[in-house]
């Protein structure tokens, strides 16, 4: 026996739930493979749910990597902006606060509150959610979609695949969306880890794990050519680097690339000139004490002076030109070679997914099958940290919902 609906949604994450909540009046079901909804949402913002980013929608484009990805998202972001998204939740009793960096969180700092609000909205819209119902297969026959699980078969004229990407697979985000999309004839850009930390070869800063920096500049080099750059906050870990500076740029990285990091906002020339002047006027002080005002912690200074071959008791008047230049290079262009990137178990997002060339950006509807939609991380879109990915998930889901209501009218 086949259970019939107006809309079938695969995945009870933020995209699936938000789409369903905006389909009041239609008979909608969500098929969720896990025993609970929104498990990845509950991890967002370390459980505090950085739901979106403040500012103009026109500023969002720079935070989604390739220009084609940002262009694809424009209609969705116009249809549901960050202020529209917050209005949806505020109308249901939630309040929000914005950090100095533009990140927007629930005032309660609880992802559970966001999930509960989505579930309440789905309940009010009459949505049925079936848990532990993994979509085993999908097919399209005579204008309807059929989804087979281990327990039942479902049919509807509209189908939304919102099963997420491949990151944090323990939450249920394990690549099902890509698999199902391919069953329906869609091309897929191979999934790749995004928003993930870097593991460095022969890492010499492990003892400084936990040390963080603001507005660090990083460049990415491959085969001697600069292929990318980013400036943001950086965190030293036991195995390499993390923090927004690395996470946001990780979509462009691969094993074997070289990262060059400046731990100070001054240029190499400016640091060199400063050291020359201080060695001349304060030559009786230790070299390690001549780097004040650069924003470089003493613990890091100690390591870098040693790596430059400068003995701890070396005074400014004793610093050779070659040692000075070595120290300047370490301060402004510290090099590490990437051994590997964090895998899907720790990456916060997935790059790759359903090819955007086969999806109508004005509706998030398939160009291959009328009535088939995609939203959220299953699409070949990944944004920076700071709430951009969740906004994209909500906006694409909303756009799909508007088209579905027209089709089912």
Protein backbone atom coordinates (compact mmCIF):
# COMPACT_ATOMS: atom_id res chain seq x y z
CA UNK A 1 0.00 0.00 0.00
CA UNK A 2 1.30 3.45 -0.92
CA UNK A 3 0.66 6.44 1.36
CA UNK A 4 -0.14 9.53 -0.68
CA UNK A 5 0.75 13.14 0.16
CA UNK A 6 0.98 16.47 -1.59
CA UNK A 7 4.62 16.88 -0.59
CA UNK A 8 7.25 14.45 0.65
CA UNK A 9 10.30 15.91 2.36
CA UNK A 10 13.37 13.80 2.97
CA UNK A 11 15.26 15.05 6.02
CA UNK A 12 14.06 16.69 9.26
CA UNK A 13 16.91 19.18 9.47
CA UNK A 14 16.57 22.97 9.30
CA UNK A 15 15.80 23.02 5.56
CA UNK A 16 13.25 20.21 5.67
CA UNK A 17 11.46 21.49 8.76
CA UNK A 18 11.36 25.09 7.55
CA UNK A 19 9.97 24.11 4.17
CA UNK A 20 7.29 22.00 5.80
CA UNK A 21 6.37 24.77 8.23
CA UNK A 22 5.65 27.01 5.25
CA UNK A 23 3.28 24.52 3.58
CA UNK A 24 0.19 24.89 5.74
CA UNK A 25 -2.89 23.68 3.87
CA UNK A 26 -1.06 20.89 2.06
CA UNK A 27 -0.69 17.31 3.19
CA UNK A 28 3.00 17.05 3.97
CA UNK A 29 5.18 14.32 5.41
CA UNK A 30 8.83 14.35 6.43
CA UNK A 31 10.85 11.15 6.31
CA UNK A 32 13.70 11.23 8.84
CA UNK A 33 16.23 8.40 9.12
CA UNK A 34 17.18 9.21 12.73
CA UNK A 35 15.01 8.73 15.79
CA UNK A 36 15.03 12.47 16.53
CA UNK A 37 14.89 15.57 14.30
CA UNK A 38 17.44 18.32 13.79
CA UNK A 39 20.41 16.56 15.32
CA UNK A 40 22.94 18.55 13.32
CA UNK A 41 21.06 21.78 14.02
CA UNK A 42 21.52 21.12 17.73
CA UNK A 43 25.29 21.15 17.23
CA UNK A 44 25.35 24.48 15.39
CA UNK A 45 27.18 27.29 17.12
CA UNK A 46 28.41 24.81 19.73
CA UNK A 47 24.80 24.22 20.73
CA UNK A 48 23.95 27.93 20.78
CA UNK A 49 22.76 28.03 17.13
CA UNK A 50 24.33 30.85 15.16
CA UNK A 51 21.16 31.03 13.10
CA UNK A 52 22.17 33.73 10.60
CA UNK A 53 24.47 36.69 10.02
CA UNK A 54 23.47 40.32 10.35
CA UNK A 55 23.96 42.88 7.60
CA UNK A 56 22.84 43.45 4.04
CA UNK A 57 22.01 40.50 1.82
CA UNK A 58 24.27 42.06 -0.80
CA UNK A 59 27.20 41.32 1.49
CA UNK A 60 26.40 37.60 1.55
CA UNK A 61 27.79 36.91 -1.93
CA UNK A 62 31.40 37.12 -0.79
CA UNK A 63 30.82 34.40 1.79
CA UNK A 64 29.91 31.51 -0.53
CA UNK A 65 33.12 30.75 -2.36
CA UNK A 66 32.63 30.59 -6.11
CA UNK A 67 30.79 33.46 -7.75
CA UNK A 68 28.40 31.02 -9.44
CA UNK A 69 27.30 29.71 -6.06
CA UNK A 70 26.55 33.19 -4.76
CA UNK A 71 24.66 33.99 -7.97
CA UNK A 72 22.53 30.86 -7.55
CA UNK A 73 21.58 31.90 -4.02
CA UNK A 74 20.50 35.46 -4.82
CA UNK A 75 16.84 34.68 -5.56
CA UNK A 76 16.54 32.60 -2.39
CA UNK A 77 18.13 35.30 -0.24
CA UNK A 78 15.83 37.89 -1.78
CA UNK A 79 12.81 35.70 -1.05
CA UNK A 80 13.84 35.14 2.57
CA UNK A 81 16.41 37.55 3.98
CA UNK A 82 18.02 37.36 7.40
CA UNK A 83 15.46 39.82 8.77
CA UNK A 84 12.62 37.76 7.26
CA UNK A 85 14.02 34.64 8.89
CA UNK A 86 14.25 36.27 12.31
CA UNK A 87 10.72 37.66 11.90
CA UNK A 88 9.44 34.10 11.40
CA UNK A 89 10.88 33.04 14.74
CA UNK A 90 10.06 36.29 16.54
CA UNK A 91 6.41 35.88 15.56
CA UNK A 92 6.56 32.61 17.48
CA UNK A 93 8.01 34.11 20.65
CA UNK A 94 11.77 33.91 20.14
CA UNK A 95 14.21 36.79 20.62
CA UNK A 96 17.71 37.21 19.27
CA UNK A 97 20.98 39.02 19.90
CA UNK A 98 23.80 39.98 17.56
CA UNK A 99 27.48 39.84 18.44
CA UNK A 100 30.00 42.51 17.46
CA UNK A 101 31.11 40.16 14.66
CA UNK A 102 27.58 40.05 13.23
CA UNK A 103 26.66 36.56 14.36
CA UNK A 104 23.00 36.21 15.36
CA UNK A 105 22.04 33.86 18.21
CA UNK A 106 18.84 33.17 20.14
CA UNK A 107 18.86 35.25 23.31
CA UNK A 108 18.61 31.96 25.20
CA UNK A 109 21.73 30.73 23.36
CA UNK A 110 19.91 27.43 22.91
CA UNK A 111 19.67 25.51 19.62
CA UNK A 112 16.91 23.47 21.29
CA UNK A 113 14.70 26.56 21.28
CA UNK A 114 15.17 26.97 17.52
CA UNK A 115 14.35 23.32 16.91
CA UNK A 116 11.32 23.38 19.21
CA UNK A 117 9.98 26.44 17.38
CA UNK A 118 10.38 24.71 14.02
CA UNK A 119 8.66 21.59 15.29
CA UNK A 120 5.79 23.63 16.75
CA UNK A 121 5.40 25.42 13.41
CA UNK A 122 5.32 22.08 11.59
CA UNK A 123 2.74 20.76 14.03
CA UNK A 124 0.60 23.86 13.49
CA UNK A 125 0.84 23.29 9.74
CA UNK A 126 -0.34 19.70 10.12
CA UNK A 127 2.94 18.13 9.02
CA UNK A 128 3.46 14.44 9.70
CA UNK A 129 7.00 13.37 10.63
CA UNK A 130 7.98 9.72 10.35
CA UNK A 131 11.14 8.88 12.28
CA UNK A 132 13.56 6.03 11.62
CA UNK A 133 12.31 5.99 8.01
CA UNK A 134 15.40 6.07 5.81
CA UNK A 135 14.63 6.66 2.15
CA UNK A 136 16.04 3.54 0.51
CA UNK A 137 15.10 4.48 -3.04
CA UNK A 138 13.26 7.14 -5.02
CA UNK A 139 11.70 7.10 -8.46
CA UNK A 140 9.62 9.35 -10.70
CA UNK A 141 6.67 7.86 -12.58
CA UNK A 142 3.94 9.71 -14.48
CA UNK A 143 4.36 13.01 -12.64
CA UNK A 144 4.59 11.52 -9.17
CA UNK A 145 7.52 10.63 -6.94
CA UNK A 146 7.75 7.38 -5.04
CA UNK A 147 9.91 6.94 -1.96
CA UNK A 148 10.54 3.48 -0.57
CA UNK A 149 11.65 2.95 3.03
CA UNK A 150 12.15 -0.28 4.91
CA UNK A 151 8.61 -0.03 6.25
CA UNK A 152 6.42 1.74 3.69
CA UNK A 153 6.07 3.38 0.30
CA UNK A 154 5.16 7.05 -0.09
CA UNK A 155 3.97 9.00 -3.12
CA UNK A 156 3.50 12.68 -3.92
CA UNK A 157 3.61 15.09 -6.89
CA UNK A 158 6.26 17.16 -5.06
CA UNK A 159 9.44 15.89 -3.45
CA UNK A 160 12.06 17.89 -1.54
CA UNK A 161 15.46 16.34 -0.93
CA UNK A 162 16.84 18.08 2.16
CA UNK A 163 18.93 15.28 3.60
CA UNK A 164 22.01 17.43 4.21
CA UNK A 165 25.58 16.80 3.13
CA UNK A 166 28.18 14.38 4.46
CA UNK A 167 29.59 16.22 7.47
CA UNK A 168 28.90 15.01 11.00
CA UNK A 169 27.56 11.64 9.73
CA UNK A 170 26.60 10.57 13.26
CA UNK A 171 23.80 13.15 13.09
CA UNK A 172 22.36 11.43 10.02
CA UNK A 173 24.05 13.75 7.52
CA UNK A 174 25.86 10.97 5.70
CA UNK A 175 25.37 11.59 1.98
CA UNK A 176 21.88 10.20 1.45
CA UNK A 177 20.80 13.33 -0.39
CA UNK A 178 23.48 12.86 -3.04
CA UNK A 179 22.63 9.18 -3.42
CA UNK A 180 18.92 9.86 -3.88
CA UNK A 181 19.55 12.75 -6.28
CA UNK A 182 21.66 10.51 -8.48
CA UNK A 183 18.85 7.95 -8.53
CA UNK A 184 16.70 10.63 -10.14
CA UNK A 185 19.30 11.38 -12.81
CA UNK A 186 21.00 14.42 -11.30
CA UNK A 187 24.71 15.10 -11.63
CA UNK A 188 26.68 15.58 -8.45
CA UNK A 189 29.85 17.51 -7.70
CA UNK A 190 31.85 15.07 -5.52
CA UNK A 191 31.36 15.99 -1.85
CA UNK A 192 34.39 17.44 -0.06
CA UNK A 193 35.03 18.56 3.49
CA UNK A 194 34.44 22.27 4.15
CA UNK A 195 34.77 24.43 7.25
CA UNK A 196 37.35 21.98 8.51
CA UNK A 197 40.65 22.36 10.39
CA UNK A 198 44.13 21.77 9.02
CA UNK A 199 46.56 19.07 10.12
CA UNK A 200 50.12 20.29 9.50
CA UNK A 201 53.24 18.27 8.73
CA UNK A 202 55.93 18.33 11.43
CA UNK A 203 53.92 20.84 13.43
CA UNK A 204 56.14 22.78 15.82
CA UNK A 205 53.48 24.83 17.59
CA UNK A 206 51.53 22.02 19.25
CA UNK A 207 52.59 23.17 22.73
CA UNK A 208 50.79 26.46 22.01
CA UNK A 209 47.45 24.72 21.48
CA UNK A 210 44.58 27.02 22.44
CA UNK A 211 46.39 30.23 21.54
CA UNK A 212 44.18 32.46 19.37
CA UNK A 213 44.74 35.55 17.24
CA UNK A 214 42.49 38.21 15.74
CA UNK A 215 42.55 39.24 12.07
CA UNK A 216 45.38 36.97 10.98
CA UNK A 217 46.27 36.94 7.28
CA UNK A 218 46.73 33.59 5.55
CA UNK A 219 47.68 32.69 1.99
CA UNK A 220 47.43 29.29 0.29
CA UNK A 221 50.18 28.13 -2.09
CA UNK A 222 50.17 25.16 -4.46
CA UNK A 223 53.12 24.26 -6.65
CA UNK A 224 54.66 27.65 -5.93
CA UNK A 225 51.55 29.61 -6.95
CA UNK A 226 49.25 31.56 -4.65
CA UNK A 227 45.73 30.15 -5.02
CA UNK A 228 43.85 31.77 -2.16
CA UNK A 229 43.91 34.09 0.83
CA UNK A 230 41.85 34.93 3.89
CA UNK A 231 41.96 37.23 6.90
CA UNK A 232 40.11 36.32 10.08
CA UNK A 233 40.63 34.92 13.56
CA UNK A 234 43.03 31.97 13.92
CA UNK A 235 43.37 29.23 16.52
CA UNK A 236 46.42 27.03 17.11
CA UNK A 237 45.48 23.41 17.85
CA UNK A 238 47.46 20.35 18.85
CA UNK A 239 47.70 19.25 15.24
CA UNK A 240 47.68 22.48 13.23
CA UNK A 241 45.28 25.38 12.78
CA UNK A 242 41.57 26.11 13.07
CA UNK A 243 39.39 29.15 13.64
CA UNK A 244 37.42 31.10 11.01
CA UNK A 245 40.56 32.11 9.08
CA UNK A 246 41.36 28.47 8.28
CA UNK A 247 37.84 27.05 8.32
CA UNK A 248 36.47 29.50 5.77
CA UNK A 249 39.44 28.98 3.44
CA UNK A 250 39.53 25.19 3.79
CA UNK A 251 37.24 24.71 0.76
CA UNK A 252 40.22 25.78 -1.36
CA UNK A 253 42.83 23.61 0.35
CA UNK A 254 44.19 20.13 -0.20
CA UNK A 255 46.94 17.95 1.24
CA UNK A 256 50.36 19.16 0.10
CA UNK A 257 49.40 22.83 -0.05
CA UNK A 258 51.54 25.31 1.86
CA UNK A 259 50.00 27.89 4.18
CA UNK A 260 51.81 31.14 4.90
CA UNK A 261 50.55 32.89 8.01
CA UNK A 262 51.26 36.39 9.30
CA UNK A 263 50.88 36.59 13.07
CA UNK A 264 50.98 40.40 13.00
CA UNK A 265 49.04 42.94 10.99
CA UNK A 266 52.23 44.76 10.02
CA UNK A 267 53.99 43.99 6.74
CA UNK A 268 57.34 42.19 6.65
CA UNK A 269 59.02 45.45 5.66
CA UNK A 270 57.43 47.30 8.57
CA UNK A 271 58.42 44.61 11.09
CA UNK A 272 61.98 44.54 9.75
CA UNK A 273 62.29 48.32 9.96
CA UNK A 274 60.89 48.30 13.48
CA UNK A 275 63.39 45.64 14.60
CA UNK A 276 66.29 47.50 13.03
CA UNK A 277 65.30 50.68 14.86
CA UNK A 278 64.75 48.95 18.21
CA UNK A 279 68.03 47.05 17.98
CA UNK A 280 69.72 50.42 17.45
CA UNK A 281 67.95 52.34 20.20
CA UNK A 282 67.19 49.51 22.67
CA UNK A 283 70.08 47.19 21.90
CA UNK A 284 70.62 46.27 25.54
CA UNK A 285 67.27 44.46 25.70
CA UNK A 286 66.72 40.81 24.77
CA UNK A 287 65.52 40.25 21.23
CA UNK A 288 62.41 38.54 22.57
CA UNK A 289 61.56 41.76 24.41
CA UNK A 290 61.84 43.93 21.31
CA UNK A 291 58.67 42.61 19.66
CA UNK A 292 56.22 44.47 21.87
CA UNK A 293 53.23 46.12 20.20
CA UNK A 294 53.00 43.57 17.38
CA UNK A 295 50.14 41.63 18.93
CA UNK A 296 52.24 38.46 19.11
CA UNK A 297 51.94 36.57 22.42
CA UNK A 298 55.17 36.04 24.40
CA UNK A 299 54.75 32.26 24.19
CA UNK A 300 54.80 32.40 20.40
CA UNK A 301 57.68 34.90 20.36
CA UNK A 302 59.76 32.47 22.39
CA UNK A 303 59.13 29.63 19.91
CA UNK A 304 59.72 31.76 16.81
CA UNK A 305 62.98 33.29 18.09
CA UNK A 306 64.25 29.78 18.81
CA UNK A 307 63.18 28.59 15.34
CA UNK A 308 65.09 31.54 13.89
CA UNK A 309 68.22 30.23 15.59
CA UNK A 310 68.34 33.08 18.10
CA UNK A 311 69.53 32.11 21.58
CA UNK A 312 67.34 33.20 24.50
CA UNK A 313 70.03 35.51 25.90
CA UNK A 314 70.67 37.30 22.59
CA UNK A 315 70.40 41.07 22.89
CA UNK A 316 69.28 43.42 20.18
CA UNK A 317 72.78 44.75 19.66
CA UNK A 318 73.94 41.18 19.00
CA UNK A 319 71.25 40.27 16.46
CA UNK A 320 72.71 39.49 13.04
CA UNK A 321 71.03 40.58 9.86
CA UNK A 322 70.38 37.00 8.74
CA UNK A 323 68.81 36.07 12.09
CA UNK A 324 66.68 39.20 12.06
CA UNK A 325 65.37 38.41 8.58
CA UNK A 326 64.67 34.80 9.60
CA UNK A 327 62.63 36.06 12.58
CA UNK A 328 60.71 38.55 10.42
CA UNK A 329 59.89 35.77 7.96
CA UNK A 330 58.54 33.55 10.73
CA UNK A 331 56.44 36.39 12.13
CA UNK A 332 54.95 37.50 8.83
CA UNK A 333 55.09 34.41 6.62
CA UNK A 334 55.12 31.33 8.87
CA UNK A 335 54.98 28.30 6.60
CA UNK A 336 53.29 24.98 7.24
CA UNK A 337 52.60 22.18 4.80
CA UNK A 338 49.17 20.58 4.98
CA UNK A 339 49.35 16.89 5.82
CA UNK A 340 45.58 16.53 5.57
CA UNK A 341 42.31 18.28 6.25
CA UNK A 342 39.83 17.25 8.90
CA UNK A 343 37.51 14.52 7.64
CA UNK A 344 33.72 14.55 7.53
CA UNK A 345 33.50 13.53 11.18
CA UNK A 346 34.75 16.97 12.23
CA UNK A 347 34.11 19.22 9.22
CA UNK A 348 31.25 21.64 9.83
CA UNK A 349 29.96 21.67 6.26
CA UNK A 350 30.12 19.89 2.93
CA UNK A 351 31.35 21.37 -0.33
CA UNK A 352 29.96 19.75 -3.46
CA UNK A 353 26.53 18.25 -3.92
CA UNK A 354 23.77 18.44 -6.52
CA UNK A 355 25.02 20.38 -9.53
CA UNK A 356 23.55 23.87 -9.59
CA UNK A 357 23.39 23.81 -13.39
CA UNK A 358 20.52 21.33 -13.11
CA UNK A 359 18.49 23.33 -10.58
CA UNK A 360 16.34 26.41 -11.25
CA UNK A 361 17.74 29.10 -8.96
CA UNK A 362 14.41 30.96 -8.95
CA UNK A 363 12.53 28.02 -7.44
CA UNK A 364 15.12 25.44 -6.31
CA UNK A 365 13.25 23.04 -8.59
CA UNK A 366 14.94 20.40 -10.71
CA UNK A 367 15.39 21.12 -14.39
CA UNK A 368 15.09 17.37 -15.00
CA UNK A 369 11.90 16.55 -13.07
CA UNK A 370 9.08 19.00 -12.45
CA UNK A 371 8.08 18.85 -8.80
CA UNK A 372 11.50 17.77 -7.54
CA UNK A 373 13.25 20.26 -5.25
CA UNK A 374 16.52 20.61 -3.34
CA UNK A 375 17.33 22.73 -0.30
CA UNK A 376 20.20 23.20 2.07
CA UNK A 377 23.49 21.40 2.14
CA UNK A 378 22.58 18.80 -0.48
CA UNK A 379 23.15 21.55 -3.06
CA UNK A 380 26.64 22.39 -4.28
CA UNK A 381 26.83 25.41 -1.98
CA UNK A 382 28.90 26.01 1.13
CA UNK A 383 29.29 29.25 3.04
CA UNK A 384 31.67 30.69 5.60
CA UNK A 385 31.24 30.31 9.33
CA UNK A 386 29.00 32.82 11.03
CA UNK A 387 25.45 31.71 10.20
CA UNK A 388 25.69 31.82 6.40
CA UNK A 389 25.03 28.11 5.83
CA UNK A 390 21.93 28.03 7.99
CA UNK A 391 20.56 31.13 6.27
CA UNK A 392 21.13 29.45 2.90
CA UNK A 393 19.31 26.34 4.11
CA UNK A 394 16.30 28.31 5.32
CA UNK A 395 16.18 30.54 2.24
CA UNK A 396 16.37 27.71 -0.31
CA UNK A 397 13.75 25.77 1.65
CA UNK A 398 11.44 28.79 1.66
CA UNK A 399 11.85 29.31 -2.08
CA UNK A 400 11.00 25.67 -2.72
CA UNK A 401 7.91 25.93 -0.51
CA UNK A 402 6.56 28.89 -2.48
CA UNK A 403 6.82 26.95 -5.75
CA UNK A 404 5.27 23.83 -4.21
CA UNK A 405 2.21 25.78 -3.09
CA UNK A 406 1.72 26.96 -6.64
CA UNK A 407 2.06 23.44 -8.06
CA UNK A 408 -0.33 21.96 -5.53
CA UNK A 409 -2.93 24.74 -5.70
